[in-house]
Amino acid sequence: MILLTGFEPFGGEPTNPSWSAARRAAELLTEQGYEAVAVELPCVFGSSIEVLEGALERVRPGIVLCVGQAGGRERISLERVAINVDDARIPDNAGRQPIDEPVVQGGPAAYFSTLPIKACREAVVRLGVPVEVSQTAGTYVCNHVFYGLMDLLATQPGTRGGFIHVPYSTEQGEANRQPGLAIEDMAIALAAIATTTAGRTSDLRVPAGAEH
């Protein structure tokens, strides 16, 4: 079973492409013969992890792809690492704005994705969709969920998971004068990431780092 999650809109945006893309990717995976389900998370510190945990208990997936919006980025971003810090530049949808607080009190400083991120990157490149390995998921609700996911999966060694950021949708990009990407392109990329993960037990050893 493959679980995909996306977020509700936040920051004044009318839609969130992460949810649209996650939902569409679940449809594509189902058409390809995989069991897949999409769940929408609130853009709220704390509650988002609670909803995610409930979905993990119900669905019992083998692969989890959490997806979030990164307005201004030009590419699908396969996140490498989640850090144990909440530091919100803007309030979440419940008005919460934690500053320099841990996601999990007493938890490790960071967790790495357990997705084969470089193999996934290569798979998305072959589709012609812009993609990168990212070294930071920020310190807002996306990183909060990414860290919470990996903390939950630390006690479920049979399940692999990670976080993917998507750019604005094409329409959002035009409205904000920022880069945008079609929802369908996001969805086919997410489906490829899921199927690549399902078909591999190890990652590729190819360069995909950053100088800054």
N, C-alpha and C. Protein backbone atom coordinates (compact mmCIF):
# COMPACT_ATOMS: atom_id res chain seq x y z
N MET A 1 0.84 -1.19 0.00
CA MET A 1 0.00 0.00 0.00
C MET A 1 0.88 1.25 0.00
N ILE A 2 0.50 2.22 -0.81
CA ILE A 2 1.22 3.49 -0.89
C ILE A 2 0.32 4.59 -0.34
N LEU A 3 0.81 5.32 0.63
CA LEU A 3 0.09 6.46 1.19
C LEU A 3 0.74 7.75 0.71
N LEU A 4 -0.07 8.63 0.15
CA LEU A 4 0.39 9.97 -0.23
C LEU A 4 -0.39 10.99 0.58
N THR A 5 0.29 12.02 1.03
CA THR A 5 -0.40 13.09 1.74
C THR A 5 -0.08 14.43 1.08
N GLY A 6 -1.05 15.33 1.15
CA GLY A 6 -0.87 16.71 0.72
C GLY A 6 -1.49 17.62 1.76
N PHE A 7 -1.27 18.90 1.60
CA PHE A 7 -1.76 19.87 2.59
C PHE A 7 -2.95 20.67 2.06
N GLU A 8 -3.76 21.14 3.00
CA GLU A 8 -4.77 22.14 2.69
C GLU A 8 -4.08 23.45 2.32
N PRO A 9 -4.81 24.39 1.69
CA PRO A 9 -4.21 25.69 1.35
C PRO A 9 -3.74 26.44 2.59
N PHE A 10 -2.72 27.27 2.41
CA PHE A 10 -2.21 28.11 3.51
C PHE A 10 -1.64 29.39 2.92
N GLY A 11 -1.33 30.33 3.80
CA GLY A 11 -0.67 31.56 3.38
C GLY A 11 -1.48 32.41 2.43
N GLY A 12 -2.81 32.28 2.48
CA GLY A 12 -3.66 33.10 1.62
C GLY A 12 -3.91 32.53 0.25
N GLU A 13 -3.30 31.38 -0.09
CA GLU A 13 -3.52 30.76 -1.39
C GLU A 13 -4.87 30.04 -1.40
N PRO A 14 -5.60 30.08 -2.53
CA PRO A 14 -6.90 29.43 -2.59
C PRO A 14 -6.82 27.91 -2.73
N THR A 15 -5.71 27.41 -3.22
CA THR A 15 -5.52 25.97 -3.39
C THR A 15 -4.12 25.59 -2.95
N ASN A 16 -3.89 24.29 -2.78
CA ASN A 16 -2.55 23.80 -2.49
C ASN A 16 -2.24 22.69 -3.48
N PRO A 17 -1.25 22.90 -4.36
CA PRO A 17 -0.97 21.90 -5.39
C PRO A 17 -0.50 20.57 -4.83
N SER A 18 0.02 20.57 -3.60
CA SER A 18 0.48 19.31 -3.01
C SER A 18 -0.68 18.33 -2.85
N TRP A 19 -1.85 18.83 -2.46
CA TRP A 19 -3.01 17.96 -2.29
C TRP A 19 -3.56 17.52 -3.64
N SER A 20 -3.67 18.45 -4.58
CA SER A 20 -4.15 18.10 -5.91
C SER A 20 -3.26 17.05 -6.55
N ALA A 21 -1.94 17.23 -6.43
CA ALA A 21 -1.00 16.31 -7.05
C ALA A 21 -0.99 14.95 -6.35
N ALA A 22 -1.08 14.95 -5.02
CA ALA A 22 -1.10 13.69 -4.27
C ALA A 22 -2.34 12.88 -4.62
N ARG A 23 -3.46 13.55 -4.70
CA ARG A 23 -4.72 12.87 -5.03
C ARG A 23 -4.67 12.29 -6.44
N ARG A 24 -4.15 13.06 -7.39
CA ARG A 24 -4.05 12.59 -8.77
C ARG A 24 -3.03 11.46 -8.89
N ALA A 25 -1.92 11.55 -8.16
CA ALA A 25 -0.91 10.49 -8.19
C ALA A 25 -1.49 9.18 -7.67
N ALA A 26 -2.32 9.26 -6.64
CA ALA A 26 -2.96 8.05 -6.12
C ALA A 26 -3.84 7.41 -7.20
N GLU A 27 -4.52 8.24 -7.99
CA GLU A 27 -5.33 7.72 -9.09
C GLU A 27 -4.45 7.03 -10.13
N LEU A 28 -3.35 7.67 -10.49
CA LEU A 28 -2.44 7.10 -11.50
C LEU A 28 -1.86 5.77 -11.02
N LEU A 29 -1.47 5.71 -9.76
CA LEU A 29 -0.91 4.47 -9.20
C LEU A 29 -1.95 3.36 -9.19
N THR A 30 -3.17 3.71 -8.86
CA THR A 30 -4.26 2.72 -8.87
C THR A 30 -4.47 2.19 -10.28
N GLU A 31 -4.42 3.07 -11.28
CA GLU A 31 -4.55 2.65 -12.68
C GLU A 31 -3.42 1.72 -13.10
N GLN A 32 -2.26 1.87 -12.45
CA GLN A 32 -1.10 1.04 -12.77
C GLN A 32 -1.10 -0.28 -11.99
N GLY A 33 -2.12 -0.48 -11.16
CA GLY A 33 -2.24 -1.74 -10.44
C GLY A 33 -1.73 -1.73 -9.02
N TYR A 34 -1.35 -0.56 -8.51
CA TYR A 34 -0.89 -0.44 -7.13
C TYR A 34 -2.07 -0.07 -6.23
N GLU A 35 -1.97 -0.45 -4.97
CA GLU A 35 -2.91 0.05 -3.96
C GLU A 35 -2.37 1.39 -3.46
N ALA A 36 -3.16 2.42 -3.57
CA ALA A 36 -2.70 3.75 -3.19
C ALA A 36 -3.87 4.57 -2.66
N VAL A 37 -3.57 5.42 -1.70
CA VAL A 37 -4.58 6.29 -1.11
C VAL A 37 -3.95 7.63 -0.78
N ALA A 38 -4.74 8.69 -0.91
CA ALA A 38 -4.27 10.05 -0.60
C ALA A 38 -5.06 10.60 0.58
N VAL A 39 -4.37 11.30 1.45
CA VAL A 39 -4.97 11.90 2.65
C VAL A 39 -4.54 13.36 2.73
N GLU A 40 -5.48 14.25 3.00
CA GLU A 40 -5.18 15.67 3.15
C GLU A 40 -4.85 15.98 4.61
N LEU A 41 -3.75 16.71 4.82
CA LEU A 41 -3.33 17.10 6.16
C LEU A 41 -3.64 18.58 6.40
N PRO A 42 -3.97 18.94 7.64
CA PRO A 42 -4.11 20.36 7.96
C PRO A 42 -2.75 21.04 8.00
N CYS A 43 -2.70 22.28 7.59
CA CYS A 43 -1.45 23.04 7.68
C CYS A 43 -1.36 23.65 9.07
N VAL A 44 -1.20 22.77 10.04
CA VAL A 44 -1.21 23.16 11.46
C VAL A 44 -0.17 22.33 12.20
N PHE A 45 0.67 23.00 12.96
CA PHE A 45 1.63 22.30 13.80
C PHE A 45 0.89 21.39 14.78
N GLY A 46 1.40 20.21 14.99
CA GLY A 46 0.79 19.27 15.92
C GLY A 46 -0.33 18.47 15.28
N SER A 47 -1.39 19.14 14.87
CA SER A 47 -2.54 18.44 14.29
C SER A 47 -2.17 17.69 13.03
N SER A 48 -1.25 18.24 12.24
CA SER A 48 -0.86 17.58 11.00
C SER A 48 -0.24 16.21 11.27
N ILE A 49 0.59 16.12 12.30
CA ILE A 49 1.21 14.83 12.64
C ILE A 49 0.17 13.88 13.21
N GLU A 50 -0.79 14.40 13.97
CA GLU A 50 -1.85 13.56 14.51
C GLU A 50 -2.67 12.93 13.39
N VAL A 51 -3.03 13.71 12.38
CA VAL A 51 -3.79 13.18 11.25
C VAL A 51 -2.94 12.17 10.49
N LEU A 52 -1.66 12.48 10.30
CA LEU A 52 -0.76 11.55 9.62
C LEU A 52 -0.65 10.23 10.39
N GLU A 53 -0.50 10.31 11.69
CA GLU A 53 -0.39 9.10 12.49
C GLU A 53 -1.65 8.25 12.37
N GLY A 54 -2.81 8.91 12.39
CA GLY A 54 -4.06 8.18 12.22
C GLY A 54 -4.13 7.48 10.87
N ALA A 55 -3.65 8.16 9.82
CA ALA A 55 -3.65 7.55 8.48
C ALA A 55 -2.71 6.36 8.43
N LEU A 56 -1.55 6.45 9.07
CA LEU A 56 -0.62 5.33 9.11
C LEU A 56 -1.25 4.12 9.80
N GLU A 57 -1.98 4.37 10.86
CA GLU A 57 -2.61 3.27 11.59
C GLU A 57 -3.72 2.62 10.76
N ARG A 58 -4.47 3.43 10.03
CA ARG A 58 -5.57 2.90 9.23
C ARG A 58 -5.08 2.17 7.98
N VAL A 59 -4.14 2.78 7.29
CA VAL A 59 -3.74 2.30 5.97
C VAL A 59 -2.65 1.24 6.05
N ARG A 60 -1.76 1.35 7.04
CA ARG A 60 -0.62 0.44 7.19
C ARG A 60 0.17 0.33 5.88
N PRO A 61 0.70 1.45 5.39
CA PRO A 61 1.38 1.46 4.09
C PRO A 61 2.80 0.89 4.17
N GLY A 62 3.31 0.51 3.01
CA GLY A 62 4.71 0.12 2.91
C GLY A 62 5.57 1.28 2.45
N ILE A 63 4.92 2.27 1.78
CA ILE A 63 5.60 3.47 1.27
C ILE A 63 4.75 4.68 1.62
N VAL A 64 5.40 5.74 2.11
CA VAL A 64 4.69 6.97 2.43
C VAL A 64 5.39 8.14 1.74
N LEU A 65 4.64 8.88 0.94
CA LEU A 65 5.14 10.10 0.32
C LEU A 65 4.33 11.27 0.85
N CYS A 66 4.94 12.08 1.68
CA CYS A 66 4.30 13.32 2.14
C CYS A 66 4.73 14.43 1.20
N VAL A 67 3.78 15.26 0.80
CA VAL A 67 4.02 16.26 -0.22
C VAL A 67 3.58 17.62 0.30
N GLY A 68 4.38 18.65 -0.02
CA GLY A 68 4.04 20.00 0.39
C GLY A 68 4.38 21.01 -0.69
N GLN A 69 3.81 22.21 -0.56
CA GLN A 69 4.03 23.29 -1.51
C GLN A 69 5.25 24.11 -1.12
N ALA A 70 6.11 24.37 -2.10
CA ALA A 70 7.25 25.27 -1.89
C ALA A 70 7.19 26.35 -2.96
N GLY A 71 6.34 27.34 -2.74
CA GLY A 71 6.18 28.41 -3.70
C GLY A 71 7.48 29.14 -3.96
N GLY A 72 7.82 29.30 -5.22
CA GLY A 72 9.08 29.96 -5.60
C GLY A 72 10.12 28.98 -6.11
N ARG A 73 10.03 27.71 -5.70
CA ARG A 73 10.95 26.72 -6.25
C ARG A 73 10.54 26.38 -7.68
N GLU A 74 11.53 26.00 -8.47
CA GLU A 74 11.28 25.71 -9.88
C GLU A 74 11.12 24.23 -10.16
N ARG A 75 11.50 23.37 -9.20
CA ARG A 75 11.57 21.94 -9.45
C ARG A 75 10.85 21.14 -8.37
N ILE A 76 10.46 19.91 -8.72
CA ILE A 76 10.08 18.93 -7.71
C ILE A 76 11.31 18.72 -6.83
N SER A 77 11.15 18.79 -5.52
CA SER A 77 12.29 18.68 -4.59
C SER A 77 12.15 17.44 -3.73
N LEU A 78 13.06 16.49 -3.93
CA LEU A 78 13.14 15.31 -3.07
C LEU A 78 13.95 15.69 -1.85
N GLU A 79 13.29 15.78 -0.71
CA GLU A 79 13.97 16.26 0.49
C GLU A 79 14.83 15.15 1.10
N ARG A 80 16.06 15.53 1.44
CA ARG A 80 16.99 14.56 2.01
C ARG A 80 16.85 14.41 3.51
N VAL A 81 16.63 15.54 4.23
CA VAL A 81 16.74 15.50 5.68
C VAL A 81 15.67 16.34 6.36
N ALA A 82 15.14 15.83 7.46
CA ALA A 82 14.19 16.56 8.32
C ALA A 82 14.90 16.91 9.61
N ILE A 83 14.76 18.14 10.08
CA ILE A 83 15.43 18.56 11.31
C ILE A 83 14.41 18.79 12.42
N ASN A 84 14.88 18.62 13.65
CA ASN A 84 14.00 18.68 14.81
C ASN A 84 13.81 20.12 15.30
N VAL A 85 13.31 20.97 14.41
CA VAL A 85 13.10 22.38 14.74
C VAL A 85 11.82 22.88 14.07
N ASP A 86 10.97 23.51 14.86
CA ASP A 86 9.86 24.30 14.35
C ASP A 86 10.22 25.77 14.53
N ASP A 87 10.27 26.53 13.44
CA ASP A 87 10.59 27.96 13.51
C ASP A 87 9.78 28.64 12.42
N ALA A 88 8.58 29.06 12.77
CA ALA A 88 7.59 29.50 11.80
C ALA A 88 7.72 31.00 11.50
N ARG A 89 7.98 31.31 10.24
CA ARG A 89 8.04 32.72 9.81
C ARG A 89 6.65 33.34 9.82
N ILE A 90 5.63 32.53 9.50
CA ILE A 90 4.24 32.97 9.50
C ILE A 90 3.41 32.00 10.34
N PRO A 91 2.29 32.45 10.89
CA PRO A 91 1.43 31.52 11.65
C PRO A 91 0.86 30.43 10.75
N ASP A 92 0.56 29.28 11.35
CA ASP A 92 -0.11 28.23 10.60
C ASP A 92 -1.60 28.54 10.50
N ASN A 93 -2.39 27.61 9.98
CA ASN A 93 -3.81 27.88 9.77
C ASN A 93 -4.63 27.94 11.05
N ALA A 94 -4.00 27.59 12.19
CA ALA A 94 -4.67 27.72 13.48
C ALA A 94 -4.11 28.90 14.28
N GLY A 95 -3.25 29.68 13.65
CA GLY A 95 -2.66 30.84 14.31
C GLY A 95 -1.45 30.52 15.16
N ARG A 96 -0.97 29.28 15.10
CA ARG A 96 0.20 28.90 15.89
C ARG A 96 1.48 29.33 15.18
N GLN A 97 2.44 29.80 15.95
CA GLN A 97 3.70 30.24 15.37
C GLN A 97 4.87 29.87 16.30
N PRO A 98 5.20 28.59 16.38
CA PRO A 98 6.31 28.18 17.25
C PRO A 98 7.64 28.74 16.74
N ILE A 99 8.49 29.11 17.68
CA ILE A 99 9.80 29.66 17.34
C ILE A 99 10.86 28.87 18.09
N ASP A 100 11.75 28.26 17.34
CA ASP A 100 12.87 27.50 17.89
C ASP A 100 12.42 26.45 18.90
N GLU A 101 11.37 25.72 18.54
CA GLU A 101 10.88 24.64 19.38
C GLU A 101 11.14 23.30 18.69
N PRO A 102 11.37 22.23 19.45
CA PRO A 102 11.56 20.92 18.82
C PRO A 102 10.25 20.37 18.27
N VAL A 103 10.34 19.62 17.19
CA VAL A 103 9.17 18.91 16.69
C VAL A 103 8.80 17.82 17.69
N VAL A 104 9.82 17.09 18.14
CA VAL A 104 9.65 16.03 19.13
C VAL A 104 10.64 16.28 20.27
N GLN A 105 10.13 16.57 21.44
CA GLN A 105 10.99 16.83 22.59
C GLN A 105 11.89 15.62 22.85
N GLY A 106 13.19 15.85 22.90
CA GLY A 106 14.14 14.77 23.17
C GLY A 106 14.46 13.89 21.98
N GLY A 107 13.89 14.22 20.80
CA GLY A 107 14.15 13.44 19.60
C GLY A 107 15.52 13.74 19.03
N PRO A 108 16.00 12.91 18.09
CA PRO A 108 17.30 13.17 17.47
C PRO A 108 17.28 14.48 16.69
N ALA A 109 18.47 15.01 16.43
CA ALA A 109 18.57 16.29 15.73
C ALA A 109 17.96 16.23 14.34
N ALA A 110 18.06 15.07 13.68
CA ALA A 110 17.57 14.97 12.31
C ALA A 110 17.28 13.52 11.94
N TYR A 111 16.50 13.37 10.90
CA TYR A 111 16.25 12.08 10.27
C TYR A 111 16.48 12.23 8.77
N PHE A 112 17.02 11.19 8.15
CA PHE A 112 17.14 11.16 6.70
C PHE A 112 15.94 10.44 6.09
N SER A 113 15.57 10.87 4.89
CA SER A 113 14.56 10.17 4.12
C SER A 113 15.00 8.73 3.91
N THR A 114 14.05 7.81 3.89
CA THR A 114 14.36 6.42 3.57
C THR A 114 13.90 6.06 2.16
N LEU A 115 13.55 7.06 1.37
CA LEU A 115 13.30 6.86 -0.05
C LEU A 115 14.63 6.79 -0.79
N PRO A 116 14.71 6.07 -1.90
CA PRO A 116 15.92 6.09 -2.72
C PRO A 116 15.94 7.38 -3.55
N ILE A 117 16.29 8.48 -2.91
CA ILE A 117 16.04 9.80 -3.50
C ILE A 117 16.79 10.04 -4.82
N LYS A 118 17.98 9.48 -4.95
CA LYS A 118 18.72 9.72 -6.20
C LYS A 118 18.17 8.87 -7.34
N ALA A 119 17.77 7.65 -7.05
CA ALA A 119 17.12 6.83 -8.07
C ALA A 119 15.79 7.46 -8.47
N CYS A 120 15.08 8.00 -7.49
CA CYS A 120 13.81 8.68 -7.79
C CYS A 120 14.05 9.92 -8.65
N ARG A 121 15.10 10.64 -8.34
CA ARG A 121 15.44 11.82 -9.16
C ARG A 121 15.68 11.41 -10.60
N GLU A 122 16.45 10.35 -10.81
CA GLU A 122 16.74 9.89 -12.16
C GLU A 122 15.45 9.48 -12.89
N ALA A 123 14.54 8.85 -12.18
CA ALA A 123 13.27 8.43 -12.79
C ALA A 123 12.45 9.63 -13.24
N VAL A 124 12.44 10.68 -12.43
CA VAL A 124 11.67 11.88 -12.79
C VAL A 124 12.35 12.64 -13.92
N VAL A 125 13.69 12.67 -13.92
CA VAL A 125 14.42 13.29 -15.02
C VAL A 125 14.02 12.65 -16.35
N ARG A 126 13.90 11.33 -16.36
CA ARG A 126 13.53 10.62 -17.59
C ARG A 126 12.14 11.01 -18.09
N LEU A 127 11.30 11.49 -17.20
CA LEU A 127 9.97 11.94 -17.59
C LEU A 127 9.98 13.35 -18.17
N GLY A 128 11.11 14.04 -18.05
CA GLY A 128 11.20 15.41 -18.53
C GLY A 128 10.63 16.43 -17.56
N VAL A 129 10.42 16.04 -16.32
CA VAL A 129 9.89 16.94 -15.29
C VAL A 129 11.06 17.48 -14.48
N PRO A 130 11.13 18.80 -14.25
CA PRO A 130 12.25 19.36 -13.48
C PRO A 130 12.26 18.84 -12.05
N VAL A 131 13.44 18.41 -11.58
CA VAL A 131 13.53 17.75 -10.27
C VAL A 131 14.90 17.96 -9.69
N GLU A 132 15.01 17.91 -8.38
CA GLU A 132 16.28 18.07 -7.68
C GLU A 132 16.23 17.31 -6.36
N VAL A 133 17.41 17.02 -5.82
CA VAL A 133 17.54 16.61 -4.43
C VAL A 133 17.73 17.88 -3.62
N SER A 134 16.92 18.09 -2.61
CA SER A 134 16.97 19.29 -1.77
C SER A 134 17.56 18.95 -0.41
N GLN A 135 18.35 19.87 0.11
CA GLN A 135 19.01 19.66 1.39
C GLN A 135 18.27 20.32 2.55
N THR A 136 17.17 20.99 2.27
CA THR A 136 16.40 21.60 3.36
C THR A 136 14.91 21.60 3.05
N ALA A 137 14.13 21.15 4.00
CA ALA A 137 12.67 21.18 3.89
C ALA A 137 12.09 22.37 4.64
N GLY A 138 12.95 23.33 5.02
CA GLY A 138 12.49 24.50 5.75
C GLY A 138 12.29 24.19 7.23
N THR A 139 11.58 25.08 7.91
CA THR A 139 11.29 24.88 9.34
C THR A 139 9.81 25.15 9.64
N TYR A 140 8.99 25.04 8.61
CA TYR A 140 7.55 25.28 8.76
C TYR A 140 6.83 23.94 8.88
N VAL A 141 5.56 23.88 8.53
CA VAL A 141 4.77 22.67 8.76
C VAL A 141 5.24 21.50 7.88
N CYS A 142 5.83 21.79 6.71
CA CYS A 142 6.34 20.70 5.87
C CYS A 142 7.44 19.93 6.58
N ASN A 143 8.43 20.63 7.08
CA ASN A 143 9.49 19.95 7.83
C ASN A 143 8.93 19.29 9.08
N HIS A 144 7.98 19.93 9.72
CA HIS A 144 7.32 19.38 10.91
C HIS A 144 6.73 18.01 10.61
N VAL A 145 6.01 17.91 9.49
CA VAL A 145 5.41 16.63 9.09
C VAL A 145 6.49 15.63 8.67
N PHE A 146 7.49 16.09 7.93
CA PHE A 146 8.57 15.22 7.50
C PHE A 146 9.27 14.60 8.70
N TYR A 147 9.61 15.43 9.68
CA TYR A 147 10.26 14.91 10.89
C TYR A 147 9.31 13.97 11.64
N GLY A 148 8.06 14.39 11.78
CA GLY A 148 7.10 13.56 12.49
C GLY A 148 6.91 12.21 11.82
N LEU A 149 6.87 12.21 10.48
CA LEU A 149 6.76 10.96 9.73
C LEU A 149 7.92 10.04 10.04
N MET A 150 9.13 10.57 9.92
CA MET A 150 10.30 9.72 10.10
C MET A 150 10.44 9.25 11.54
N ASP A 151 9.99 10.06 12.50
CA ASP A 151 10.00 9.64 13.89
C ASP A 151 9.02 8.48 14.10
N LEU A 152 7.86 8.56 13.47
CA LEU A 152 6.88 7.47 13.56
C LEU A 152 7.40 6.21 12.87
N LEU A 153 8.05 6.38 11.72
CA LEU A 153 8.53 5.22 10.97
C LEU A 153 9.77 4.59 11.60
N ALA A 154 10.41 5.32 12.51
CA ALA A 154 11.59 4.75 13.18
C ALA A 154 11.23 3.49 13.96
N THR A 155 9.96 3.34 14.33
CA THR A 155 9.51 2.14 15.04
C THR A 155 8.77 1.19 14.09
N GLN A 156 8.79 1.51 12.79
CA GLN A 156 8.14 0.66 11.77
C GLN A 156 9.15 0.41 10.65
N PRO A 157 10.16 -0.40 10.90
CA PRO A 157 11.26 -0.56 9.93
C PRO A 157 10.86 -1.10 8.57
N GLY A 158 9.69 -1.68 8.46
CA GLY A 158 9.25 -2.20 7.17
C GLY A 158 8.66 -1.15 6.25
N THR A 159 8.49 0.07 6.73
CA THR A 159 7.87 1.13 5.94
C THR A 159 8.90 2.19 5.59
N ARG A 160 8.94 2.56 4.31
CA ARG A 160 9.85 3.61 3.87
C ARG A 160 9.08 4.88 3.55
N GLY A 161 9.68 6.01 3.83
CA GLY A 161 8.96 7.25 3.59
C GLY A 161 9.88 8.44 3.44
N GLY A 162 9.29 9.54 3.02
CA GLY A 162 10.04 10.77 2.86
C GLY A 162 9.11 11.90 2.45
N PHE A 163 9.72 13.02 2.12
CA PHE A 163 8.96 14.23 1.82
C PHE A 163 9.38 14.78 0.47
N ILE A 164 8.40 15.26 -0.28
CA ILE A 164 8.63 15.87 -1.58
C ILE A 164 7.95 17.23 -1.60
N HIS A 165 8.71 18.27 -1.98
CA HIS A 165 8.12 19.58 -2.20
C HIS A 165 7.78 19.75 -3.68
N VAL A 166 6.66 20.40 -3.95
CA VAL A 166 6.29 20.74 -5.33
C VAL A 166 6.21 22.25 -5.45
N PRO A 167 6.48 22.79 -6.66
CA PRO A 167 6.35 24.23 -6.87
C PRO A 167 4.89 24.67 -6.83
N TYR A 168 4.69 25.97 -7.03
CA TYR A 168 3.34 26.46 -7.29
C TYR A 168 2.77 25.73 -8.51
N SER A 169 1.46 25.62 -8.57
CA SER A 169 0.83 25.17 -9.81
C SER A 169 1.06 26.24 -10.89
N THR A 170 0.78 25.89 -12.12
CA THR A 170 0.96 26.85 -13.21
C THR A 170 0.16 28.12 -12.95
N GLU A 171 -1.08 27.94 -12.49
CA GLU A 171 -1.96 29.09 -12.25
C GLU A 171 -1.45 29.95 -11.09
N GLN A 172 -1.00 29.30 -10.03
CA GLN A 172 -0.46 30.04 -8.89
C GLN A 172 0.80 30.80 -9.29
N GLY A 173 1.65 30.12 -10.07
CA GLY A 173 2.88 30.76 -10.51
C GLY A 173 2.61 32.03 -11.30
N GLU A 174 1.63 31.96 -12.20
CA GLU A 174 1.27 33.14 -12.97
C GLU A 174 0.74 34.24 -12.07
N ALA A 175 -0.10 33.87 -11.10
CA ALA A 175 -0.68 34.86 -10.20
C ALA A 175 0.36 35.52 -9.30
N ASN A 176 1.40 34.74 -8.91
CA ASN A 176 2.42 35.24 -8.01
C ASN A 176 3.70 35.67 -8.71
N ARG A 177 3.70 35.57 -10.05
CA ARG A 177 4.89 35.90 -10.84
C ARG A 177 6.10 35.10 -10.38
N GLN A 178 5.82 33.80 -10.18
CA GLN A 178 6.84 32.85 -9.73
C GLN A 178 6.80 31.62 -10.65
N PRO A 179 7.81 30.78 -10.57
CA PRO A 179 7.76 29.55 -11.38
C PRO A 179 6.55 28.69 -10.99
N GLY A 180 6.03 27.98 -11.96
CA GLY A 180 4.90 27.08 -11.71
C GLY A 180 5.05 25.80 -12.51
N LEU A 181 4.30 24.79 -12.13
CA LEU A 181 4.35 23.49 -12.79
C LEU A 181 2.94 22.93 -12.87
N ALA A 182 2.63 22.25 -13.95
CA ALA A 182 1.30 21.66 -14.11
C ALA A 182 1.07 20.56 -13.07
N ILE A 183 -0.13 20.50 -12.54
CA ILE A 183 -0.49 19.48 -11.55
C ILE A 183 -0.25 18.08 -12.11
N GLU A 184 -0.57 17.86 -13.38
CA GLU A 184 -0.39 16.54 -13.97
C GLU A 184 1.08 16.14 -13.98
N ASP A 185 1.98 17.09 -14.25
CA ASP A 185 3.41 16.80 -14.21
C ASP A 185 3.86 16.45 -12.79
N MET A 186 3.33 17.17 -11.81
CA MET A 186 3.63 16.83 -10.41
C MET A 186 3.17 15.42 -10.10
N ALA A 187 1.96 15.09 -10.55
CA ALA A 187 1.38 13.79 -10.24
C ALA A 187 2.15 12.64 -10.87
N ILE A 188 2.54 12.79 -12.14
CA ILE A 188 3.30 11.71 -12.78
C ILE A 188 4.66 11.55 -12.13
N ALA A 189 5.22 12.67 -11.65
CA ALA A 189 6.50 12.59 -10.94
C ALA A 189 6.33 11.84 -9.62
N LEU A 190 5.28 12.15 -8.88
CA LEU A 190 5.04 11.46 -7.61
C LEU A 190 4.78 9.98 -7.83
N ALA A 191 4.05 9.65 -8.86
CA ALA A 191 3.81 8.24 -9.17
C ALA A 191 5.11 7.53 -9.50
N ALA A 192 5.99 8.20 -10.24
CA ALA A 192 7.28 7.60 -10.57
C ALA A 192 8.15 7.42 -9.33
N ILE A 193 8.08 8.37 -8.43
CA ILE A 193 8.84 8.25 -7.17
C ILE A 193 8.35 7.04 -6.38
N ALA A 194 7.03 6.88 -6.34
CA ALA A 194 6.46 5.74 -5.60
C ALA A 194 6.85 4.42 -6.23
N THR A 195 6.73 4.31 -7.55
CA THR A 195 7.03 3.04 -8.20
C THR A 195 8.52 2.73 -8.17
N THR A 196 9.34 3.77 -8.27
CA THR A 196 10.79 3.56 -8.16
C THR A 196 11.14 3.03 -6.78
N THR A 197 10.54 3.61 -5.75
CA THR A 197 10.77 3.14 -4.38
C THR A 197 10.31 1.70 -4.23
N ALA A 198 9.16 1.38 -4.79
CA ALA A 198 8.63 0.02 -4.68
C ALA A 198 9.54 -1.00 -5.34
N GLY A 199 10.28 -0.57 -6.37
CA GLY A 199 11.10 -1.50 -7.12
C GLY A 199 12.55 -1.57 -6.72
N ARG A 200 12.93 -0.85 -5.65
CA ARG A 200 14.35 -0.81 -5.26
C ARG A 200 14.51 -1.05 -3.76
N THR A 201 15.62 -1.66 -3.40
CA THR A 201 15.98 -1.80 -1.99
C THR A 201 17.21 -0.98 -1.62
N SER A 202 17.84 -0.36 -2.63
CA SER A 202 19.01 0.50 -2.37
C SER A 202 18.98 1.68 -3.34
N ASP A 203 19.74 2.70 -3.02
CA ASP A 203 19.75 3.91 -3.85
C ASP A 203 20.90 3.87 -4.84
N LEU A 204 20.85 4.76 -5.84
CA LEU A 204 21.97 4.94 -6.74
C LEU A 204 23.05 5.77 -6.06
N ARG A 205 24.28 5.56 -6.46
CA ARG A 205 25.38 6.38 -5.95
C ARG A 205 25.83 7.33 -7.07
N VAL A 206 25.13 8.43 -7.19
CA VAL A 206 25.41 9.44 -8.21
C VAL A 206 25.38 10.82 -7.55
N PRO A 207 26.12 11.79 -8.10
CA PRO A 207 26.14 13.11 -7.46
C PRO A 207 24.81 13.84 -7.63
N ALA A 208 24.33 14.40 -6.53
CA ALA A 208 23.13 15.24 -6.58
C ALA A 208 23.14 16.20 -5.39
N GLY A 209 24.36 16.61 -5.01
CA GLY A 209 24.52 17.49 -3.85
C GLY A 209 24.43 18.96 -4.21
N ALA A 210 24.86 19.80 -3.33
CA ALA A 210 24.80 21.24 -3.52
C ALA A 210 26.02 21.89 -2.89
N GLU A 211 26.44 23.02 -3.47
CA GLU A 211 27.58 23.77 -2.93
C GLU A 211 27.16 24.77 -1.85
N HIS A 212 25.86 25.05 -1.81
CA HIS A 212 25.38 26.04 -0.81
C HIS A 212 23.91 25.80 -0.52
